[in-house]
Every structure is written in structure tokens, then in C-alpha cells.
N, C-alpha and C. Protein backbone atom coordinates (compact mmCIF):
# COMPACT_ATOMS: atom_id res chain seq x y z
N MET A 1 90.23 141.77 80.86
CA MET A 1 88.78 141.72 81.35
C MET A 1 88.16 141.92 82.10
N ARG A 2 88.48 142.60 83.70
CA ARG A 2 88.62 143.27 84.35
C ARG A 2 88.21 144.79 83.99
N ASN A 3 89.19 144.89 83.10
CA ASN A 3 89.32 146.18 82.63
C ASN A 3 88.69 146.59 82.03
N THR A 4 87.86 145.48 80.63
CA THR A 4 86.90 145.85 80.32
C THR A 4 85.53 146.73 80.09
N ARG A 5 84.95 147.71 80.06
CA ARG A 5 84.00 147.93 80.37
C ARG A 5 82.96 146.98 79.55
N ASP A 6 82.25 146.35 80.81
CA ASP A 6 80.98 145.51 80.48
C ASP A 6 81.26 144.19 79.80
N PHE A 7 82.53 143.93 79.81
CA PHE A 7 83.24 142.70 79.08
C PHE A 7 82.31 141.58 78.97
N TRP A 8 80.97 140.52 80.01
CA TRP A 8 80.00 139.47 79.90
C TRP A 8 79.02 139.85 78.87
N GLU A 9 79.11 141.49 78.28
CA GLU A 9 77.62 141.61 77.65
C GLU A 9 78.78 141.24 75.94
N THR A 10 80.45 141.11 75.86
CA THR A 10 81.33 140.44 75.05
C THR A 10 81.27 139.25 74.13
N LEU A 11 80.33 138.62 75.27
CA LEU A 11 81.10 136.98 74.36
C LEU A 11 79.68 136.76 73.53
N ALA A 12 80.23 135.31 73.01
CA ALA A 12 79.74 135.48 71.87
C ALA A 12 78.84 133.75 72.80
N GLU A 13 77.46 133.15 72.21
CA GLU A 13 77.19 131.62 73.11
C GLU A 13 78.17 130.97 72.13
N HIS A 14 78.45 129.77 73.29
CA HIS A 14 79.56 128.67 72.30
C HIS A 14 78.73 128.12 72.15
N GLU A 15 76.89 127.72 72.13
CA GLU A 15 75.98 126.90 70.74
C GLU A 15 75.21 127.94 70.35
N PRO A 16 75.39 128.22 69.63
CA PRO A 16 74.10 129.99 68.99
C PRO A 16 72.92 129.30 69.01
N GLY A 17 72.44 129.90 69.25
CA GLY A 17 70.43 130.02 69.05
C GLY A 17 70.13 129.00 70.36
N ALA A 18 71.21 128.15 71.37
CA ALA A 18 70.46 127.79 73.16
C ALA A 18 70.06 128.66 73.18
N ILE A 19 70.57 129.67 73.73
CA ILE A 19 69.90 130.46 74.25
C ILE A 19 68.82 130.29 74.24
N ARG A 20 68.05 130.57 73.56
CA ARG A 20 66.72 131.62 72.15
C ARG A 20 66.14 130.08 72.00
N ARG A 21 66.41 128.62 72.59
CA ARG A 21 65.70 126.92 72.79
C ARG A 21 65.47 127.09 73.68
N ILE A 22 66.55 127.45 74.91
CA ILE A 22 65.99 127.01 75.85
C ILE A 22 64.75 127.81 76.98
N GLN A 23 64.29 129.16 76.23
CA GLN A 23 63.48 130.27 76.39
C GLN A 23 62.08 129.95 75.43
N ASP A 24 62.57 128.88 74.35
CA ASP A 24 61.09 128.46 73.94
C ASP A 24 60.35 127.56 74.55
N LEU A 25 61.55 126.57 75.11
CA LEU A 25 61.27 125.41 75.63
C LEU A 25 60.51 125.54 77.40
N ALA A 26 61.07 126.54 77.37
CA ALA A 26 60.84 127.10 79.05
C ALA A 26 58.94 127.58 78.72
N TYR A 27 59.06 127.87 77.82
CA TYR A 27 57.43 129.07 77.26
C TYR A 27 56.60 127.28 77.32
N ARG A 28 57.09 126.80 76.44
CA ARG A 28 56.43 125.93 76.17
C ARG A 28 56.03 124.32 76.93
N TRP A 29 57.27 124.43 78.07
CA TRP A 29 56.71 123.66 78.72
C TRP A 29 56.74 124.09 80.51
N ARG A 30 56.30 125.48 80.69
CA ARG A 30 56.94 126.53 81.42
C ARG A 30 57.58 125.74 82.82
N TRP A 31 59.51 125.87 81.92
CA TRP A 31 60.09 125.59 82.78
C TRP A 31 60.02 126.95 83.06
N GLU A 32 60.81 126.99 85.15
CA GLU A 32 61.12 128.16 85.00
C GLU A 32 62.36 127.90 85.50
N VAL A 33 63.39 129.35 84.83
CA VAL A 33 64.74 129.18 84.36
C VAL A 33 65.35 129.84 85.08
N LEU A 34 66.57 129.55 86.38
CA LEU A 34 67.07 130.17 87.26
C LEU A 34 68.84 130.36 86.55
N PHE A 35 69.52 131.39 85.85
CA PHE A 35 70.89 131.37 85.49
C PHE A 35 71.75 131.97 86.48
N VAL A 36 72.64 130.90 87.20
CA VAL A 36 73.29 130.83 88.04
C VAL A 36 74.42 131.27 87.79
N THR A 37 75.30 131.88 87.95
CA THR A 37 76.82 132.88 87.58
C THR A 37 77.69 133.48 88.08
N GLN A 38 79.19 133.14 87.94
CA GLN A 38 80.38 133.22 89.17
C GLN A 38 81.19 134.31 88.55
N ARG A 39 80.61 135.07 88.18
CA ARG A 39 82.06 135.72 86.89
C ARG A 39 81.60 136.95 88.04
N PRO A 40 82.78 137.19 87.40
CA PRO A 40 84.01 138.53 88.53
C PRO A 40 83.24 139.46 88.44
N PRO A 41 83.64 140.10 88.90
CA PRO A 41 82.78 141.99 88.50
C PRO A 41 84.65 142.41 86.76
N THR A 42 83.45 143.81 86.64
CA THR A 42 84.27 144.03 85.53
C THR A 42 83.68 145.38 85.55
N VAL A 43 84.69 146.69 85.03
CA VAL A 43 83.69 147.91 84.52
C VAL A 43 83.05 148.13 83.78
N GLY A 44 81.79 148.70 84.44
CA GLY A 44 80.42 149.09 84.04
C GLY A 44 79.55 148.34 85.38
N ARG A 45 78.15 147.81 84.51
CA ARG A 45 77.25 147.14 84.86
C ARG A 45 78.17 146.02 86.07
N THR A 46 76.99 146.09 86.86
CA THR A 46 77.17 144.76 87.95
C THR A 46 77.39 143.03 86.99
N ALA A 47 77.71 142.16 87.54
CA ALA A 47 78.05 140.70 86.21
C ALA A 47 75.95 140.95 86.36
N GLN A 48 75.63 140.71 87.23
CA GLN A 48 74.50 140.38 87.58
C GLN A 48 73.52 141.02 85.92
N VAL A 49 74.02 142.12 85.87
CA VAL A 49 72.61 143.23 84.73
C VAL A 49 73.66 143.00 83.66
N GLN A 50 74.88 142.58 83.19
CA GLN A 50 75.59 142.31 82.36
C GLN A 50 74.99 140.48 82.06
N SER A 51 75.03 139.41 82.37
CA SER A 51 74.65 138.67 82.35
C SER A 51 73.04 139.26 81.72
N GLN A 52 72.05 139.32 82.46
CA GLN A 52 70.88 139.56 82.01
C GLN A 52 70.53 139.95 79.96
N ARG A 53 71.59 141.23 80.13
CA ARG A 53 71.75 142.05 79.32
C ARG A 53 72.10 141.00 78.29
N TRP A 54 73.25 140.23 78.22
CA TRP A 54 74.30 138.94 77.08
C TRP A 54 72.59 138.18 77.18
N LEU A 55 71.71 137.75 78.27
CA LEU A 55 70.92 136.89 77.62
C LEU A 55 69.74 137.53 77.06
N HIS A 56 69.04 138.22 77.36
CA HIS A 56 68.31 138.79 76.80
C HIS A 56 68.43 138.97 74.82
N LYS A 57 69.71 139.51 74.71
CA LYS A 57 70.45 139.85 73.49
C LYS A 57 70.26 138.32 72.90
N HIS A 58 70.51 137.30 72.94
CA HIS A 58 71.41 136.20 72.92
C HIS A 58 69.16 134.87 72.93
N GLY A 59 68.52 135.77 73.38
CA GLY A 59 66.66 135.37 73.30
C GLY A 59 66.41 134.86 74.02
N PHE A 60 66.89 134.78 75.66
CA PHE A 60 66.24 135.03 76.53
C PHE A 60 65.26 136.63 76.82
N ASP A 61 64.23 136.42 77.38
CA ASP A 61 63.45 138.11 77.30
C ASP A 61 63.48 138.40 78.28
N LEU A 62 62.46 137.14 79.73
CA LEU A 62 63.08 137.87 80.68
C LEU A 62 63.68 136.84 81.73
N PRO A 63 65.34 137.28 81.64
CA PRO A 63 66.31 136.04 82.20
C PRO A 63 66.38 136.70 83.85
N ALA A 64 66.00 135.87 84.70
CA ALA A 64 66.42 136.11 86.58
C ALA A 64 67.46 135.19 86.03
N VAL A 65 68.97 136.07 86.79
CA VAL A 65 69.96 135.69 86.79
C VAL A 65 70.74 135.86 88.77
N TYR A 66 71.26 134.81 88.91
CA TYR A 66 71.41 134.90 90.32
C TYR A 66 73.34 134.81 90.28
N THR A 67 73.69 135.19 90.96
CA THR A 67 75.69 136.07 90.27
C THR A 67 75.78 135.30 92.33
N THR A 68 76.43 133.91 92.12
CA THR A 68 77.17 134.13 93.29
C THR A 68 78.75 133.06 93.46
N ARG A 69 78.95 133.43 94.64
CA ARG A 69 80.30 132.83 94.88
C ARG A 69 80.66 131.89 95.66
N GLY A 70 79.05 130.74 96.33
CA GLY A 70 79.35 129.84 97.06
C GLY A 70 79.04 128.54 96.48
N SER A 71 78.21 128.10 97.35
CA SER A 71 77.92 126.13 96.74
C SER A 71 76.89 126.85 96.01
N ARG A 72 77.52 125.78 94.92
CA ARG A 72 75.53 125.67 93.64
C ARG A 72 74.25 124.65 93.96
N GLY A 73 75.55 123.44 95.12
CA GLY A 73 74.79 122.29 95.03
C GLY A 73 73.54 122.96 96.36
N ARG A 74 73.61 123.80 97.74
CA ARG A 74 73.32 124.02 98.80
C ARG A 74 72.40 125.64 98.28
N MET A 75 72.25 125.35 97.28
CA MET A 75 71.74 126.55 96.35
C MET A 75 70.07 125.72 95.51
N ALA A 76 71.12 124.78 95.33
CA ALA A 76 70.19 123.98 94.57
C ALA A 76 68.80 123.44 95.28
N GLU A 77 70.23 122.85 96.50
CA GLU A 77 68.98 122.08 97.61
C GLU A 77 67.85 123.33 97.77
N ALA A 78 67.80 124.46 98.62
CA ALA A 78 67.38 125.87 99.01
C ALA A 78 66.38 126.14 98.11
N LEU A 79 66.62 126.39 96.89
CA LEU A 79 65.90 126.31 95.67
C LEU A 79 64.20 125.06 95.22
N ALA A 80 65.06 124.30 95.82
CA ALA A 80 64.35 122.23 95.04
C ALA A 80 64.46 123.29 94.18
N LEU A 81 65.34 122.63 93.33
CA LEU A 81 65.88 123.09 91.44
C LEU A 81 65.50 121.15 90.69
N ASP A 82 64.48 121.48 90.40
CA ASP A 82 64.86 119.86 89.80
C ASP A 82 65.92 119.59 88.70
N VAL A 83 66.28 120.46 87.85
CA VAL A 83 67.29 119.95 86.69
C VAL A 83 68.25 121.03 87.04
N HIS A 84 69.87 120.96 87.16
CA HIS A 84 71.41 122.16 86.88
C HIS A 84 72.06 121.69 85.61
N LEU A 85 72.44 122.39 85.04
CA LEU A 85 73.34 121.84 84.09
C LEU A 85 74.22 123.05 84.25
N ASP A 86 75.06 122.16 83.61
CA ASP A 86 76.28 123.79 84.05
C ASP A 86 77.93 122.64 83.45
N ASP A 87 79.15 123.79 82.36
CA ASP A 87 79.47 122.65 82.04
C ASP A 87 81.34 123.05 83.27
N ARG A 88 81.25 123.17 84.00
CA ARG A 88 82.46 123.19 84.98
C ARG A 88 81.84 121.45 85.58
N LEU A 89 83.17 120.62 85.61
CA LEU A 89 82.73 119.37 86.89
C LEU A 89 82.69 119.72 88.58
N GLU A 90 82.91 120.73 88.77
CA GLU A 90 82.94 121.29 90.17
C GLU A 90 81.58 121.75 91.05
N ASN A 91 80.89 121.89 89.46
CA ASN A 91 80.02 122.49 90.17
C ASN A 91 78.57 121.50 89.52
N ALA A 92 79.08 120.24 88.78
CA ALA A 92 77.69 119.18 88.70
C ALA A 92 78.37 118.14 89.76
N LEU A 93 79.07 118.88 90.71
CA LEU A 93 79.82 118.33 91.52
C LEU A 93 79.06 117.34 92.80
N ASP A 94 78.83 119.47 93.05
CA ASP A 94 78.13 119.96 94.27
C ASP A 94 77.05 120.09 94.00
N VAL A 95 76.45 119.76 93.30
CA VAL A 95 74.52 120.23 92.70
C VAL A 95 74.55 118.12 93.60
N ALA A 96 75.05 117.17 92.72
CA ALA A 96 74.57 115.91 92.87
C ALA A 96 75.29 115.35 94.03
N SER A 97 76.34 116.36 94.98
CA SER A 97 76.11 115.65 95.93
C SER A 97 75.24 116.57 97.40
N GLU A 98 74.87 117.57 97.12
CA GLU A 98 74.65 118.63 98.04
C GLU A 98 73.12 118.52 97.50
N SER A 99 72.65 118.48 96.39
CA SER A 99 71.26 118.76 96.65
C SER A 99 70.71 117.39 95.69
N GLU A 100 69.59 117.63 95.75
CA GLU A 100 68.37 116.30 94.84
C GLU A 100 67.74 116.57 94.14
N ALA A 101 69.00 117.60 92.66
CA ALA A 101 68.52 118.09 91.43
C ALA A 101 69.52 117.76 90.43
N CYS A 102 68.59 116.79 88.97
CA CYS A 102 68.75 116.35 88.36
C CYS A 102 70.91 116.85 87.71
N SER A 103 71.37 116.60 88.10
CA SER A 103 72.89 117.69 87.68
C SER A 103 73.23 116.72 86.46
N ILE A 104 73.85 118.27 85.30
CA ILE A 104 74.06 116.95 84.16
C ILE A 104 74.78 118.38 83.73
N LEU A 105 76.11 117.46 83.42
CA LEU A 105 77.22 118.61 83.23
C LEU A 105 77.65 118.50 81.21
N VAL A 106 77.78 119.94 81.00
CA VAL A 106 77.51 119.42 79.53
C VAL A 106 79.90 119.48 79.08
N TRP A 107 80.32 118.71 78.76
CA TRP A 107 81.43 118.37 78.68
C TRP A 107 81.98 117.58 77.18
N ARG A 108 82.38 119.51 76.80
CA ARG A 108 82.29 119.46 74.66
C ARG A 108 83.94 119.32 74.65
N ASP A 109 85.36 119.33 75.17
CA ASP A 109 86.25 118.32 75.06
C ASP A 109 86.25 116.54 74.87
N GLU A 110 86.18 116.17 73.56
CA GLU A 110 86.29 115.24 72.59
C GLU A 110 86.99 114.50 73.55
N SER A 111 88.65 114.76 73.38
CA SER A 111 89.41 113.78 73.89
C SER A 111 89.46 113.23 75.70
N THR A 112 88.99 113.76 76.39
CA THR A 112 88.81 113.29 77.81
C THR A 112 87.30 113.19 78.05
N PHE A 113 86.52 113.04 76.65
CA PHE A 113 85.00 112.86 77.03
C PHE A 113 84.31 111.50 77.92
N ALA A 114 84.96 110.42 77.81
CA ALA A 114 84.01 108.71 77.54
C ALA A 114 85.14 108.93 79.12
N GLU A 115 86.33 109.45 79.17
CA GLU A 115 87.18 109.63 80.91
C GLU A 115 86.73 110.06 81.88
N ILE A 116 85.97 111.29 81.72
CA ILE A 116 84.67 112.09 82.39
C ILE A 116 83.59 111.64 82.75
N ALA A 117 83.49 110.56 81.29
CA ALA A 117 81.87 110.56 81.38
C ALA A 117 81.70 109.61 82.40
N ALA A 118 82.76 108.70 82.45
CA ALA A 118 82.24 107.00 83.39
C ALA A 118 82.58 107.42 84.76
N ARG A 119 83.19 108.90 84.93
CA ARG A 119 83.42 109.07 86.61
C ARG A 119 82.04 109.38 86.76
N ALA A 120 81.91 110.40 85.74
CA ALA A 120 80.50 111.27 86.23
C ALA A 120 79.35 110.39 86.48
N ARG A 121 78.93 109.97 85.53
CA ARG A 121 78.23 108.77 85.61
C ARG A 121 78.23 107.89 86.67
N ARG A 122 79.27 106.89 87.73
CA ARG A 122 79.13 106.56 88.63
C ARG A 122 79.32 107.61 89.50
N LEU A 123 79.63 109.26 89.96
CA LEU A 123 78.91 110.03 90.52
C LEU A 123 77.21 110.81 90.50
N ASN A 124 76.41 110.39 89.86
CA ASN A 124 74.92 110.00 89.23
C ASN A 124 75.16 111.08 88.25
N ILE A 125 76.04 111.35 88.19
CA ILE A 125 75.86 113.24 87.22
C ILE A 125 75.86 112.84 85.72
N ALA A 126 74.90 113.34 84.30
CA ALA A 126 74.56 112.92 83.50
C ALA A 126 75.50 114.18 82.43
N ILE A 127 76.01 113.28 81.80
CA ILE A 127 77.03 114.40 81.06
C ILE A 127 76.62 113.96 79.45
N VAL A 128 76.89 115.30 79.09
CA VAL A 128 76.00 115.66 77.34
C VAL A 128 77.14 116.41 76.74
N ARG A 129 77.40 115.82 75.36
CA ARG A 129 78.63 116.98 74.78
C ARG A 129 78.01 118.43 74.56
N THR A 130 76.73 118.37 74.40
CA THR A 130 76.18 120.19 74.25
C THR A 130 74.80 120.46 74.52
N VAL A 131 74.86 121.39 75.04
CA VAL A 131 73.57 121.69 75.82
C VAL A 131 72.20 121.56 74.76
N ALA A 132 72.77 121.86 73.69
CA ALA A 132 71.41 121.58 72.51
C ALA A 132 71.22 119.51 73.11
N GLU A 133 72.23 118.97 72.88
CA GLU A 133 71.93 117.31 73.93
C GLU A 133 70.87 117.51 74.72
N ALA A 134 71.59 118.19 75.48
CA ALA A 134 71.01 118.02 77.08
C ALA A 134 69.21 118.60 76.70
N LEU A 135 68.91 119.82 76.12
CA LEU A 135 67.70 119.89 75.63
C LEU A 135 67.11 119.25 75.11
N GLU A 136 67.71 118.84 74.74
CA GLU A 136 66.54 117.33 73.55
C GLU A 136 66.44 116.43 75.01
N GLN A 137 67.87 116.24 75.58
CA GLN A 137 66.66 114.47 76.82
C GLN A 137 65.77 115.05 77.48
N LEU A 138 65.98 116.44 77.94
CA LEU A 138 65.20 117.31 78.95
C LEU A 138 63.31 117.10 78.44
N GLU A 139 63.52 117.48 77.16
CA GLU A 139 62.57 117.85 76.18
C GLU A 139 62.16 115.99 75.80
N ALA A 140 62.92 115.26 75.37
CA ALA A 140 62.40 113.83 75.83
C ALA A 140 61.83 113.56 77.23
N ALA A 141 62.77 113.94 78.25
CA ALA A 141 61.32 113.72 79.29
C ALA A 141 60.24 114.28 79.07
N GLU A 142 60.24 115.19 79.14
CA GLU A 142 58.91 115.48 79.58
C GLU A 142 57.50 115.24 78.29
N LEU A 143 58.40 114.95 77.24
CA LEU A 143 57.01 114.32 75.76
C LEU A 143 56.94 112.69 76.86
N SER A 144 57.56 112.58 77.70
CA SER A 144 56.77 111.02 78.30
C SER A 144 56.05 111.09 79.34
N VAL A 145 55.89 112.47 79.35
CA VAL A 145 55.60 112.49 80.91
C VAL A 145 54.04 112.85 80.22
N HIS A 146 54.04 113.76 79.40
CA HIS A 146 52.65 114.09 78.25
C HIS A 146 51.98 112.92 77.64
N GLN A 147 52.51 111.71 77.72
CA GLN A 147 52.15 110.86 76.05
C GLN A 147 51.66 110.26 76.83
N ALA A 148 50.52 110.55 78.68
CA ALA A 148 49.52 109.78 78.58
C ALA A 148 48.79 110.96 78.71
N SER A 149 48.37 111.92 78.31
CA SER A 149 47.59 112.70 78.42
C SER A 149 47.82 113.75 76.42
N PRO A 150 47.59 112.74 75.19
CA PRO A 150 47.76 113.09 74.38
C PRO A 150 46.46 114.53 74.08
N GLY A 151 48.09 115.57 72.90
CA GLY A 151 47.30 117.06 73.19
C GLY A 151 47.74 118.23 73.45
N THR A 152 48.50 117.53 74.57
CA THR A 152 48.64 118.91 75.50
C THR A 152 49.69 119.68 76.14
N ALA A 153 50.57 120.45 75.78
CA ALA A 153 51.72 121.05 75.19
C ALA A 153 51.92 121.37 77.13
N VAL A 154 50.88 120.89 77.94
CA VAL A 154 51.65 121.98 79.36
C VAL A 154 51.12 121.26 80.15
N PRO A 155 51.55 120.83 81.64
CA PRO A 155 51.28 119.71 82.16
C PRO A 155 49.86 120.40 83.15
N PRO A 156 49.51 119.09 83.48
CA PRO A 156 48.01 119.94 84.45
C PRO A 156 48.76 120.72 85.51
N GLU A 157 47.62 121.78 86.38
CA GLU A 157 47.76 122.28 87.61
C GLU A 157 46.86 121.29 88.54
N ASP A 158 46.66 120.51 88.04
CA ASP A 158 46.49 119.50 89.39
C ASP A 158 46.93 119.07 90.29
N ASP A 159 47.80 118.54 89.34
CA ASP A 159 48.80 117.42 90.43
C ASP A 159 50.32 117.78 90.06
N VAL A 160 50.18 118.48 90.59
CA VAL A 160 51.96 118.64 90.51
C VAL A 160 53.01 117.96 90.91
N ALA A 161 52.76 117.35 92.12
CA ALA A 161 53.36 116.09 92.38
C ALA A 161 54.08 115.11 91.91
N ALA A 162 52.74 114.42 91.02
CA ALA A 162 52.68 113.62 90.30
C ALA A 162 53.27 113.78 88.75
N GLU A 163 53.50 115.17 88.34
CA GLU A 163 54.56 115.59 86.72
C GLU A 163 55.74 114.93 87.41
N ALA A 164 55.84 115.50 88.72
CA ALA A 164 57.27 116.29 89.10
C ALA A 164 57.98 114.63 89.17
N ALA A 165 57.46 114.03 89.92
CA ALA A 165 57.77 111.73 89.55
C ALA A 165 58.17 111.62 88.43
N ALA A 166 56.72 111.76 87.89
CA ALA A 166 56.78 111.50 86.71
C ALA A 166 58.07 112.26 85.33
N LEU A 167 58.22 113.38 85.89
CA LEU A 167 59.52 113.56 84.90
C LEU A 167 60.49 112.63 85.64
N PHE A 168 60.89 113.04 86.63
CA PHE A 168 62.05 112.44 87.06
C PHE A 168 62.20 111.28 86.79
N ALA A 169 61.16 110.13 86.56
CA ALA A 169 61.44 109.12 85.83
C ALA A 169 61.89 109.03 84.68
N GLY A 170 61.05 110.21 83.78
CA GLY A 170 61.43 110.24 81.98
C GLY A 170 63.28 110.61 82.20
N LEU A 171 63.49 111.64 82.92
CA LEU A 171 65.31 111.94 83.13
C LEU A 171 65.93 111.28 83.98
N ARG A 172 65.29 109.67 84.29
CA ARG A 172 66.11 108.73 84.45
C ARG A 172 66.54 107.75 83.23
N ARG A 173 65.31 107.64 82.63
CA ARG A 173 64.94 107.05 81.62
C ARG A 173 66.23 108.06 80.31
N ALA A 174 66.19 109.72 80.03
CA ALA A 174 66.21 110.16 78.90
C ALA A 174 67.99 110.10 79.23
N PHE A 175 68.62 110.08 80.61
CA PHE A 175 69.85 110.04 80.76
C PHE A 175 70.60 108.58 81.49
N GLY A 176 69.68 107.78 81.01
CA GLY A 176 70.63 106.07 80.86
C GLY A 176 70.96 105.97 82.82
N PHE A 177 70.17 106.31 83.63
CA PHE A 177 70.22 105.96 85.51
C PHE A 177 69.57 105.32 85.48
N GLY A 178 69.68 104.42 86.58
CA GLY A 178 68.55 103.62 87.51
C GLY A 178 67.93 103.93 88.63
N LYS A 179 67.18 103.69 89.20
CA LYS A 179 66.61 103.60 90.39
C LYS A 179 67.91 104.46 91.89
N GLY A 180 66.64 106.10 91.81
CA GLY A 180 68.12 107.12 92.08
C GLY A 180 67.38 107.72 93.59
N LYS A 181 67.94 108.22 94.60
CA LYS A 181 67.37 108.65 95.33
C LYS A 181 66.55 110.37 95.13
N GLY A 182 66.12 110.68 95.97
CA GLY A 182 65.56 111.88 95.70
C GLY A 182 64.08 112.68 96.00
N ARG A 183 63.56 113.98 95.83
CA ARG A 183 62.33 114.08 95.56
C ARG A 183 62.11 113.96 94.86
N HIS A 184 59.97 113.70 94.94
CA HIS A 184 59.53 113.59 93.78
C HIS A 184 59.70 112.29 92.65
N GLY A 185 60.64 111.42 93.32
CA GLY A 185 60.71 109.89 93.30
C GLY A 185 61.65 109.43 91.93
N ARG A 186 62.73 109.86 92.13
CA ARG A 186 64.22 110.57 90.89
C ARG A 186 64.71 109.61 91.87
């Protein structure tokens, strides 16, 4: 891997079409998406540039990529992220404990899903089997926010705080959480 030129550009998507779906939803709902990775360096381009090129190849037009070795939770808090989606339990836990972002864990292993799900929910981490499932829930939360204003596909720009509070309420419903802590009424 480390000796393979531009290795990170050679990988296939875990879920074909997921990156394009994220792009489409980001455009529709005016999401600002930041891809965070902890990829080790390889021969060739930097891990950041390889990741940007890979994301673009899979359908995300102008990906913002941040490479880090540090805490995802501290970063999520510093950037006031609303949602963090990850397929590593330690990253989801870090975000749930160190920030006020909604932490969503993608856990693909069917044999351990029920056990991990029970533990994750106790830690206020939402858990899904696929990125597609997470995106469906996130879009459902967005739709619930906008049901009050039929015919609008994007949030009104005059009341950002109310929109954020409504989104977090929708996320709590979509992922089955009760009353939670956090900014924006989450």
C-alpha cells in the first residue's frame, strides 16, 4: 500500500453510488460536506489530493478533504459540525463524547450488528448498516423540517437557528433518540 503510487485513488466504493448520492443531497439541501480521513501517506500525491481525486471520480464535484491524525471529536466541536458519519466505532465514540455533533456509525458486519448497536445507542451514537441508510435518515430529517413550508426544497435563510433546531429534532426522531444535549436544541 505505502509503496503503491497514488494507492488511495485505486479503491472501489464500498457502496457504489454513495458518493454521488451525498453530492446530490448536499446540493438539494445546501449541506456543507467535509470529508475527514486518517489515511497514511503513499508514494505519489498527498493523501488529501488522492482523496479529493477519488471523491471527484466517484461523483463529488468539489470535495473538501481534511487529513488528520488527531481527534475527530475535537475537530467536530471546533468546526461546529451538525452530523458526523463514520464506519469506525472509535471515531463515532470520539465525536459523540467530544462534540455536540450527531454521531452516526455505519456498521456493516451483520454478525456483530445487534451487539454494537446496543452499545452505540447507550452512548448516543446512531447506528446504520449502510451509508445509503444513513442518507435516507438524514434526508427524512430534512424533509420533516420542511414539511411546514410545502414546496420549498431549501431552507429559508432568515432563521438558521430555528432550522438547525428543527433538523436536530428530526434527527432524534429518525434515529430513535430521546431528548439529547447539544447546540441547536439537540
